[in-house]
Amino acid sequence: MRLDRVFIILLFITSVIVAFRAGGIQVELQDYFIALFLFYTFSTLYYHLKVVVKQGSSTIDYTIPYSLGIALFVGPFGAFFYEALYMFTVYGIRKATKIADDEELLHTFYNTGAFALNGAIGYYLFQALNPIFANIPFGFWILIITIVIIMSYLSHIYLSIVFLLMGEIKTMKEALSFIKSRSILDIGKIAFSNGLLFVFLESKQWEMVVGLFLLNYLVSRSNIAINQTLQHKLERDKYEQMAYTDFLTGLYNRTFMDKKMDELNNSKEPLGIIVSDIDSFKLINDSYNHAVGDRAIQHFAATVQSFLREDDYLFRSGGEEFTIFLRNRSYEECFALVEEIRDGIKNTPAIAEYNNEAIQIPMTASFGLYYYKTNDALDIKRAYVYADQLLIKSKDLGKNRISAKNGIADIPLSSRYQ
């Protein structure tokens, strides 16, 4: 038999022995059945508000446990009966709705044993320490919080043992990290919920018990709704990022460039549009392979990006073609920066691996720069065409060149190279 199953069975048997040795239910049966009905009803209602956390191939369900509150009121035996009733109800729900996994019954025995045993431990700690804490200001709450902390760590210890035996956790360091992962806010929520429940149960304030359960339910529902909204936003942002990002370079892609063009089209700002292309890129692919070619593209993108400011934009607009939007600069500043970028590409070869050896790939690039002020008269996409035509001119003139035009001053076309 698997060791994790042995541990779970032993945990359950231990909880049964502790429950029966503690004696019977320690309040009047009428009060117990009222409390049992309320706890069972609201625990079942809370079941669908659980938070699921993945641990390897296993999942952990986090809800608000009421083991301590009911154990303090009725004792370990009554708490065990409640946990067994609730956990096997959950088992039935999961089987009926066909969401139970192959070891659902084993998980039910684990949950029953772990929560009932923790409730019993909390009960005995409270009985032993309450006389001491009763004479301390806020002693009751200090004791409840202390017990809940102990119970929380015990729960994680049980789980870490199971995961160690299953192989989901492989080292003691991972086990200790898992044990210490419980949220302080969760501990506080459990402590005050169980403490208030015990106070209300002791004084038989059933309406307050119902009110507290309803308050926890509404807060949990609200948190779930907020978390779902945030999750949906994160998913939308992730899909949007995927839609606008080039997978090879991590730069913005042509789709995002078109979107940004629409935004900037009539912004009335001076803009340097640069279209650039790696010279003789096909020769790199033919001489080596596409993996080396991809590394050359990544190097080119990173080199160009290193020269840009935060408010500039760099797009991979084609295979080895890139487009840059330089903002808030004069024409002279744009031209000087493009010269720096061209020199940076020329003087910094890409490093790639080919035939298990590191190789250097010298590169040059050609550039077309069109500078103008966005306005109604000239659509930005037309300005982009002008920059692309200037790139073609640089290629025709021998590559490794910059061809540029100042559309504001309408100065003559210029060309520079080294």
Protein backbone atom coordinates (compact mmCIF):
# COMPACT_ATOMS: atom_id res chain seq x y z
CA MET A 1 0.00 0.00 0.00
CA ARG A 2 1.21 3.51 -0.75
CA LEU A 3 2.76 5.26 2.24
CA ASP A 4 0.60 8.37 1.85
CA ARG A 5 -2.53 6.21 2.10
CA VAL A 6 -1.17 4.55 5.24
CA PHE A 7 -0.57 7.95 6.83
CA ILE A 8 -4.07 9.18 5.94
CA ILE A 9 -5.71 6.06 7.39
CA LEU A 10 -3.63 6.37 10.57
CA LEU A 11 -4.61 10.05 10.84
CA PHE A 12 -8.29 9.17 10.54
CA ILE A 13 -8.05 6.30 13.05
CA THR A 14 -6.26 8.61 15.50
CA SER A 15 -9.04 11.17 15.23
CA VAL A 16 -11.65 8.43 15.90
CA ILE A 17 -9.78 7.19 18.97
CA VAL A 18 -9.34 10.71 20.37
CA ALA A 19 -13.03 11.51 19.77
CA PHE A 20 -14.36 8.41 21.50
CA ARG A 21 -11.92 8.60 24.44
CA ALA A 22 -13.06 12.17 25.09
CA GLY A 23 -16.53 10.95 26.04
CA GLY A 24 -19.86 11.98 24.63
CA ILE A 25 -21.29 15.28 23.54
CA GLN A 26 -20.66 17.82 26.31
CA VAL A 27 -23.77 19.99 25.95
CA GLU A 28 -27.47 19.27 25.96
CA LEU A 29 -28.54 17.33 22.88
CA GLN A 30 -31.04 20.02 21.88
CA ASP A 31 -28.32 22.68 21.84
CA TYR A 32 -25.98 20.34 20.01
CA PHE A 33 -28.46 19.58 17.25
CA ILE A 34 -29.22 23.28 16.78
CA ALA A 35 -25.49 24.03 16.53
CA LEU A 36 -24.94 21.01 14.29
CA PHE A 37 -27.72 22.11 11.93
CA LEU A 38 -26.32 25.65 11.66
CA PHE A 39 -22.71 24.54 11.19
CA TYR A 40 -23.65 21.85 8.68
CA THR A 41 -25.94 24.13 6.68
CA PHE A 42 -23.54 27.03 6.36
CA SER A 43 -20.44 24.85 5.89
CA THR A 44 -22.18 23.14 2.98
CA LEU A 45 -23.23 26.54 1.65
CA TYR A 46 -19.62 27.76 1.88
CA TYR A 47 -18.30 24.73 0.02
CA HIS A 48 -18.50 26.36 -3.43
CA LEU A 49 -16.60 29.41 -2.13
CA LYS A 50 -13.43 27.45 -1.51
CA VAL A 51 -10.08 28.71 -2.79
CA VAL A 52 -8.17 26.06 -4.75
CA VAL A 53 -4.36 26.10 -4.67
CA LYS A 54 -2.24 23.83 -6.86
CA GLN A 55 0.58 21.83 -5.25
CA GLY A 56 2.29 19.75 -7.91
CA SER A 57 -0.34 17.43 -9.35
CA SER A 58 -2.51 17.80 -6.23
CA THR A 59 -4.94 20.53 -5.24
CA ILE A 60 -5.63 22.03 -1.83
CA ASP A 61 -9.05 23.47 -1.02
CA TYR A 62 -9.05 26.38 1.43
CA THR A 63 -12.29 27.36 3.16
CA ILE A 64 -13.11 28.85 6.57
CA PRO A 65 -12.89 25.84 8.95
CA TYR A 66 -15.14 25.91 12.02
CA SER A 67 -13.48 22.94 13.73
CA LEU A 68 -12.32 24.95 16.75
CA GLY A 69 -15.59 26.77 17.36
CA ILE A 70 -17.72 23.64 17.46
CA ALA A 71 -15.08 21.60 19.32
CA LEU A 72 -14.88 24.18 22.12
CA PHE A 73 -18.66 24.08 22.43
CA VAL A 74 -19.47 20.36 22.23
CA GLY A 75 -16.14 18.60 22.72
CA PRO A 76 -14.05 16.33 20.44
CA PHE A 77 -16.73 13.65 19.91
CA GLY A 78 -19.39 16.14 18.76
CA ALA A 79 -16.82 17.89 16.56
CA PHE A 80 -15.83 14.57 14.95
CA PHE A 81 -19.47 13.77 14.16
CA TYR A 82 -19.90 17.21 12.53
CA GLU A 83 -16.71 16.88 10.46
CA ALA A 84 -17.65 13.37 9.27
CA LEU A 85 -21.18 14.47 8.34
CA TYR A 86 -19.96 17.54 6.46
CA MET A 87 -17.00 15.91 4.68
CA PHE A 88 -19.01 12.94 3.46
CA THR A 89 -21.75 15.32 2.28
CA VAL A 90 -19.11 17.11 0.20
CA TYR A 91 -17.98 13.71 -1.09
CA GLY A 92 -21.55 12.94 -2.15
CA ILE A 93 -21.91 16.32 -3.88
CA ARG A 94 -18.68 15.86 -5.83
CA LYS A 95 -19.66 12.33 -6.87
CA ALA A 96 -23.16 13.43 -7.90
CA THR A 97 -21.83 16.35 -9.96
CA LYS A 98 -19.10 14.13 -11.49
CA ILE A 99 -16.22 16.35 -10.37
CA ALA A 100 -14.77 13.86 -7.88
CA ASP A 101 -11.29 12.59 -8.68
CA ASP A 102 -10.15 8.97 -8.48
CA GLU A 103 -9.10 9.27 -4.83
CA GLU A 104 -11.98 11.41 -3.58
CA LEU A 105 -12.90 8.94 -0.83
CA LEU A 106 -9.32 8.92 0.46
CA HIS A 107 -9.33 12.72 0.51
CA THR A 108 -12.59 12.63 2.48
CA PHE A 109 -11.05 10.41 5.15
CA TYR A 110 -8.04 12.73 5.28
CA ASN A 111 -10.15 15.87 5.65
CA THR A 112 -12.35 14.29 8.32
CA GLY A 113 -9.39 13.02 10.30
CA ALA A 114 -7.27 16.16 10.00
CA PHE A 115 -10.00 18.65 10.92
CA ALA A 116 -11.47 16.51 13.71
CA LEU A 117 -8.05 15.85 15.22
CA ASN A 118 -7.16 19.54 15.05
CA GLY A 119 -10.47 20.42 16.68
CA ALA A 120 -9.72 18.00 19.52
CA ILE A 121 -6.20 19.41 19.95
CA GLY A 122 -7.64 22.93 20.04
CA TYR A 123 -10.23 21.83 22.63
CA TYR A 124 -7.62 20.34 24.98
CA LEU A 125 -5.28 23.32 24.58
CA PHE A 126 -8.13 25.68 25.45
CA GLN A 127 -9.12 23.65 28.51
CA ALA A 128 -5.53 23.57 29.75
CA LEU A 129 -4.57 27.20 29.07
CA ASN A 130 -7.80 29.12 29.58
CA PRO A 131 -7.36 29.44 33.38
CA ILE A 132 -4.03 31.15 32.76
CA PHE A 133 -5.17 33.46 29.95
CA ALA A 134 -8.45 34.34 31.68
CA ASN A 135 -6.58 36.73 33.99
CA ILE A 136 -4.84 38.56 31.12
CA PRO A 137 -6.46 41.53 29.29
CA PHE A 138 -7.79 40.18 25.99
CA GLY A 139 -6.54 36.81 27.17
CA PHE A 140 -9.40 34.92 25.49
CA TRP A 141 -8.54 36.31 22.06
CA ILE A 142 -4.80 35.87 22.55
CA LEU A 143 -5.44 32.22 23.41
CA ILE A 144 -7.82 31.67 20.47
CA ILE A 145 -5.34 33.21 18.01
CA THR A 146 -2.51 31.13 19.47
CA ILE A 147 -4.53 27.91 19.14
CA VAL A 148 -5.55 28.73 15.56
CA ILE A 149 -1.90 29.37 14.65
CA ILE A 150 -0.96 25.98 16.10
CA MET A 151 -3.84 24.29 14.27
CA SER A 152 -2.92 25.99 10.99
CA TYR A 153 0.68 24.83 11.20
CA LEU A 154 -0.45 21.33 12.16
CA SER A 155 -2.68 21.25 9.05
CA HIS A 156 0.27 22.18 6.86
CA ILE A 157 2.47 19.62 8.61
CA TYR A 158 -0.08 16.88 7.85
CA LEU A 159 -0.22 17.98 4.22
CA SER A 160 3.55 18.25 3.89
CA ILE A 161 3.90 14.68 5.17
CA VAL A 162 1.36 13.48 2.59
CA PHE A 163 3.15 15.39 -0.18
CA LEU A 164 6.54 14.05 0.91
CA LEU A 165 5.21 10.51 0.79
CA MET A 166 3.63 11.17 -2.63
CA GLY A 167 6.81 12.75 -3.98
CA GLU A 168 5.14 16.13 -4.62
CA ILE A 169 7.59 17.65 -2.11
CA LYS A 170 11.10 16.25 -2.44
CA THR A 171 13.18 18.01 0.24
CA MET A 172 12.76 19.15 3.83
CA LYS A 173 13.44 22.70 2.66
CA GLU A 174 10.42 22.53 0.35
CA ALA A 175 8.36 21.03 3.18
CA LEU A 176 9.32 23.83 5.60
CA SER A 177 8.56 26.43 2.95
CA PHE A 178 5.12 24.90 2.43
CA ILE A 179 4.43 24.74 6.18
CA LYS A 180 5.27 28.44 6.56
CA SER A 181 3.15 29.49 3.58
CA ARG A 182 -0.13 29.97 5.45
CA SER A 183 -1.47 33.53 5.20
CA ILE A 184 -1.58 35.59 8.40
CA LEU A 185 -4.83 37.16 7.19
CA ASP A 186 -6.39 33.71 6.81
CA ILE A 187 -5.30 32.81 10.34
CA GLY A 188 -6.85 36.01 11.69
CA LYS A 189 -10.10 35.39 9.83
CA ILE A 190 -10.33 31.82 11.19
CA ALA A 191 -9.45 32.89 14.74
CA PHE A 192 -12.04 35.64 15.05
CA SER A 193 -14.75 33.63 13.28
CA ASN A 194 -14.28 30.63 15.58
CA GLY A 195 -13.84 32.77 18.70
CA LEU A 196 -17.05 34.71 18.09
CA LEU A 197 -18.93 31.52 17.25
CA PHE A 198 -17.88 29.95 20.53
CA VAL A 199 -18.95 33.04 22.50
CA PHE A 200 -22.35 33.11 20.78
CA LEU A 201 -22.82 29.35 21.19
CA GLU A 202 -21.94 29.47 24.87
CA SER A 203 -24.58 32.14 25.46
CA LYS A 204 -27.00 30.40 23.06
CA GLN A 205 -27.36 33.52 20.92
CA TRP A 206 -28.50 31.59 17.88
CA GLU A 207 -29.42 34.70 15.91
CA MET A 208 -25.89 36.01 16.35
CA VAL A 209 -24.51 32.66 15.19
CA VAL A 210 -26.65 32.88 12.05
CA GLY A 211 -25.64 36.53 11.58
CA LEU A 212 -21.93 35.66 11.79
CA PHE A 213 -22.31 32.82 9.32
CA LEU A 214 -24.18 35.12 6.92
CA LEU A 215 -21.54 37.84 7.32
CA ASN A 216 -18.76 35.36 6.50
CA TYR A 217 -20.76 34.11 3.53
CA LEU A 218 -21.29 37.60 2.12
CA VAL A 219 -17.65 38.58 2.67
CA SER A 220 -16.49 35.35 1.00
CA ARG A 221 -18.83 35.88 -1.94
CA SER A 222 -17.57 39.44 -2.31
CA ASN A 223 -13.94 38.31 -2.21
CA ILE A 224 -14.62 35.63 -4.81
CA ALA A 225 -16.29 38.21 -7.08
CA ILE A 226 -13.36 40.62 -6.68
CA ASN A 227 -10.83 37.84 -7.33
CA GLN A 228 -12.73 36.70 -10.43
CA THR A 229 -12.82 40.27 -11.75
CA LEU A 230 -9.08 40.64 -11.17
CA GLN A 231 -8.42 37.24 -12.75
CA HIS A 232 -10.46 38.14 -15.81
CA LYS A 233 -8.56 41.42 -16.14
CA LEU A 234 -5.23 39.61 -15.84
CA GLU A 235 -6.33 37.13 -18.49
CA ARG A 236 -7.48 39.92 -20.79
CA ASP A 237 -4.20 41.77 -20.27
CA LYS A 238 -2.28 38.57 -20.94
CA TYR A 239 -4.15 37.85 -24.17
CA GLU A 240 -3.77 41.47 -25.25
CA GLN A 241 -0.05 41.31 -24.56
CA MET A 242 0.19 38.10 -26.58
CA ALA A 243 -1.74 39.72 -29.43
CA TYR A 244 0.57 42.77 -29.47
CA THR A 245 3.92 41.10 -28.79
CA ASP A 246 6.38 39.51 -31.18
CA PHE A 247 7.25 36.10 -29.74
CA LEU A 248 10.90 36.09 -30.93
CA THR A 249 12.08 39.51 -29.76
CA GLY A 250 9.53 40.49 -27.13
CA LEU A 251 8.98 43.75 -29.01
CA TYR A 252 5.65 45.17 -30.11
CA ASN A 253 4.42 43.63 -33.36
CA ARG A 254 2.83 45.04 -36.51
CA THR A 255 -0.67 44.83 -35.02
CA PHE A 256 0.32 47.07 -32.14
CA MET A 257 2.14 49.40 -34.53
CA ASP A 258 -1.09 49.90 -36.49
CA LYS A 259 -2.94 50.58 -33.23
CA LYS A 260 -0.32 53.10 -32.11
CA MET A 261 -0.43 54.78 -35.51
CA ASP A 262 -4.15 55.40 -35.08
CA GLU A 263 -3.51 56.91 -31.64
CA LEU A 264 -0.70 59.20 -32.82
CA ASN A 265 -2.18 60.11 -36.20
CA ASN A 266 -3.52 63.51 -35.21
CA SER A 267 -1.65 64.17 -31.98
CA LYS A 268 0.06 67.28 -33.43
CA GLU A 269 3.45 66.11 -32.17
CA PRO A 270 6.77 65.94 -34.04
CA LEU A 271 7.59 62.35 -34.87
CA GLY A 272 10.58 60.63 -36.38
CA ILE A 273 9.48 57.47 -38.23
CA ILE A 274 12.38 55.14 -38.96
CA VAL A 275 12.10 51.96 -40.98
CA SER A 276 15.17 49.73 -40.68
CA ASP A 277 16.23 46.47 -42.23
CA ILE A 278 19.13 44.09 -41.48
CA ASP A 279 21.43 44.09 -44.50
CA SER A 280 21.87 40.78 -46.37
CA PHE A 281 19.89 38.88 -43.76
CA LYS A 282 19.20 35.99 -46.16
CA LEU A 283 22.94 35.40 -46.37
CA ILE A 284 23.04 34.82 -42.59
CA ASN A 285 20.30 32.20 -42.82
CA ASP A 286 21.90 30.54 -45.85
CA SER A 287 25.39 30.52 -44.32
CA TYR A 288 24.30 29.10 -40.97
CA ASN A 289 20.69 28.19 -40.14
CA HIS A 290 17.46 29.78 -39.02
CA ALA A 291 18.36 29.47 -35.33
CA VAL A 292 21.41 31.66 -35.95
CA GLY A 293 19.24 34.02 -37.99
CA ASP A 294 16.79 34.27 -35.09
CA ARG A 295 19.67 35.09 -32.74
CA ALA A 296 20.78 37.85 -35.13
CA ILE A 297 17.26 39.33 -35.10
CA GLN A 298 17.15 39.20 -31.29
CA HIS A 299 20.54 40.92 -31.07
CA PHE A 300 19.48 43.62 -33.49
CA ALA A 301 16.29 44.28 -31.53
CA ALA A 302 18.12 44.46 -28.19
CA THR A 303 20.79 46.76 -29.59
CA VAL A 304 18.29 49.21 -31.06
CA GLN A 305 16.18 49.14 -27.88
CA SER A 306 19.20 50.10 -25.78
CA PHE A 307 19.40 53.48 -27.57
CA LEU A 308 15.75 54.44 -27.08
CA ARG A 309 13.92 56.37 -24.41
CA GLU A 310 10.88 55.18 -22.51
CA ASP A 311 8.45 57.20 -24.63
CA ASP A 312 9.87 55.91 -27.94
CA TYR A 313 8.42 52.86 -29.69
CA LEU A 314 10.19 49.96 -31.38
CA PHE A 315 8.22 47.45 -33.45
CA ARG A 316 9.15 44.33 -35.35
CA SER A 317 7.16 45.22 -38.45
CA GLY A 318 8.36 42.36 -40.66
CA GLY A 319 10.77 39.43 -40.78
CA GLU A 320 14.03 41.37 -40.40
CA GLU A 321 12.38 44.77 -40.67
CA PHE A 322 11.88 47.07 -37.68
CA THR A 323 10.11 50.38 -37.24
CA ILE A 324 10.95 53.04 -34.69
CA PHE A 325 8.88 56.02 -33.56
CA LEU A 326 11.09 58.71 -32.02
CA ARG A 327 9.07 61.23 -30.02
CA ASN A 328 9.75 64.69 -28.63
CA ARG A 329 12.97 65.22 -30.59
CA SER A 330 14.11 67.62 -33.28
CA TYR A 331 14.98 66.39 -36.76
CA GLU A 332 18.70 66.82 -36.00
CA GLU A 333 18.37 64.78 -32.80
CA CYS A 334 16.55 62.01 -34.65
CA PHE A 335 19.18 61.85 -37.38
CA ALA A 336 22.03 61.81 -34.84
CA LEU A 337 20.39 59.01 -32.87
CA VAL A 338 19.86 56.90 -35.99
CA GLU A 339 23.56 57.32 -36.78
CA GLU A 340 24.40 56.09 -33.27
CA ILE A 341 22.13 53.08 -33.73
CA ARG A 342 23.67 52.27 -37.13
CA ASP A 343 27.17 52.44 -35.63
CA GLY A 344 26.07 50.30 -32.69
CA ILE A 345 24.79 47.59 -35.01
CA LYS A 346 27.94 47.69 -37.13
CA ASN A 347 30.37 47.62 -34.18
CA THR A 348 28.59 45.00 -32.05
CA PRO A 349 28.37 41.57 -33.69
CA ALA A 350 25.75 39.09 -32.55
CA ILE A 351 26.90 36.02 -30.62
CA ALA A 352 25.29 32.71 -31.55
CA GLU A 353 25.93 28.99 -31.28
CA TYR A 354 26.63 27.01 -34.43
CA ASN A 355 27.97 23.43 -34.58
CA ASN A 356 28.45 23.54 -30.80
CA GLU A 357 30.71 26.57 -31.07
CA ALA A 358 30.17 30.23 -30.24
CA ILE A 359 30.39 32.37 -33.36
CA GLN A 360 30.27 36.09 -34.04
CA ILE A 361 27.91 37.41 -36.69
CA PRO A 362 28.87 40.85 -38.01
CA MET A 363 25.88 42.86 -39.16
CA THR A 364 24.97 46.17 -40.69
CA ALA A 365 21.59 47.76 -41.22
CA SER A 366 20.03 50.37 -43.47
CA PHE A 367 17.61 53.07 -42.33
CA GLY A 368 14.97 55.36 -43.76
CA LEU A 369 13.97 58.35 -41.59
CA TYR A 370 10.97 60.53 -42.27
CA TYR A 371 10.43 63.39 -39.81
CA TYR A 372 7.20 65.36 -39.65
CA LYS A 373 4.52 66.74 -37.35
CA THR A 374 1.40 64.60 -37.24
CA ASN A 375 -1.54 66.47 -38.71
CA ASP A 376 -4.76 66.17 -40.68
CA ALA A 377 -3.05 66.85 -44.01
CA LEU A 378 -0.70 63.85 -43.93
CA ASP A 379 -1.89 60.52 -42.58
CA ILE A 380 0.72 58.76 -40.43
CA LYS A 381 0.48 55.66 -42.59
CA ARG A 382 1.49 57.75 -45.58
CA ALA A 383 4.44 59.09 -43.56
CA TYR A 384 5.39 55.48 -42.82
CA VAL A 385 5.38 54.77 -46.58
CA TYR A 386 7.74 57.72 -47.09
CA ALA A 387 10.12 56.27 -44.46
CA ASP A 388 9.94 52.88 -46.15
CA GLN A 389 10.78 54.46 -49.51
CA LEU A 390 13.79 56.13 -47.88
CA LEU A 391 14.90 52.70 -46.60
CA ILE A 392 14.71 51.35 -50.14
CA LYS A 393 16.88 54.28 -51.27
CA SER A 394 19.48 53.38 -48.62
CA LYS A 395 19.52 49.81 -49.88
CA ASP A 396 19.91 50.95 -53.48
CA LEU A 397 22.81 53.23 -52.50
CA GLY A 398 24.82 50.33 -51.09
CA LYS A 399 23.34 49.45 -47.67
CA ASN A 400 24.61 50.42 -44.20
CA ARG A 401 23.20 53.88 -44.89
CA ILE A 402 20.67 56.39 -43.60
CA SER A 403 18.39 58.19 -46.00
CA ALA A 404 16.32 60.89 -44.34
CA LYS A 405 13.92 63.71 -45.03
CA ASN A 406 12.63 66.50 -42.82
CA GLY A 407 8.99 66.74 -43.78
CA ILE A 408 8.49 69.88 -41.69
CA ALA A 409 11.24 71.97 -43.31
CA ASP A 410 10.95 70.01 -46.57
CA ILE A 411 14.74 69.90 -46.77
CA PRO A 412 16.43 67.92 -49.59
CA LEU A 413 16.89 64.23 -49.21
CA SER A 414 20.22 63.39 -47.58
CA SER A 415 22.25 60.22 -47.38
CA ARG A 416 25.12 59.31 -45.11
CA TYR A 417 27.25 56.19 -44.78
CA GLN A 418 30.57 54.94 -43.54
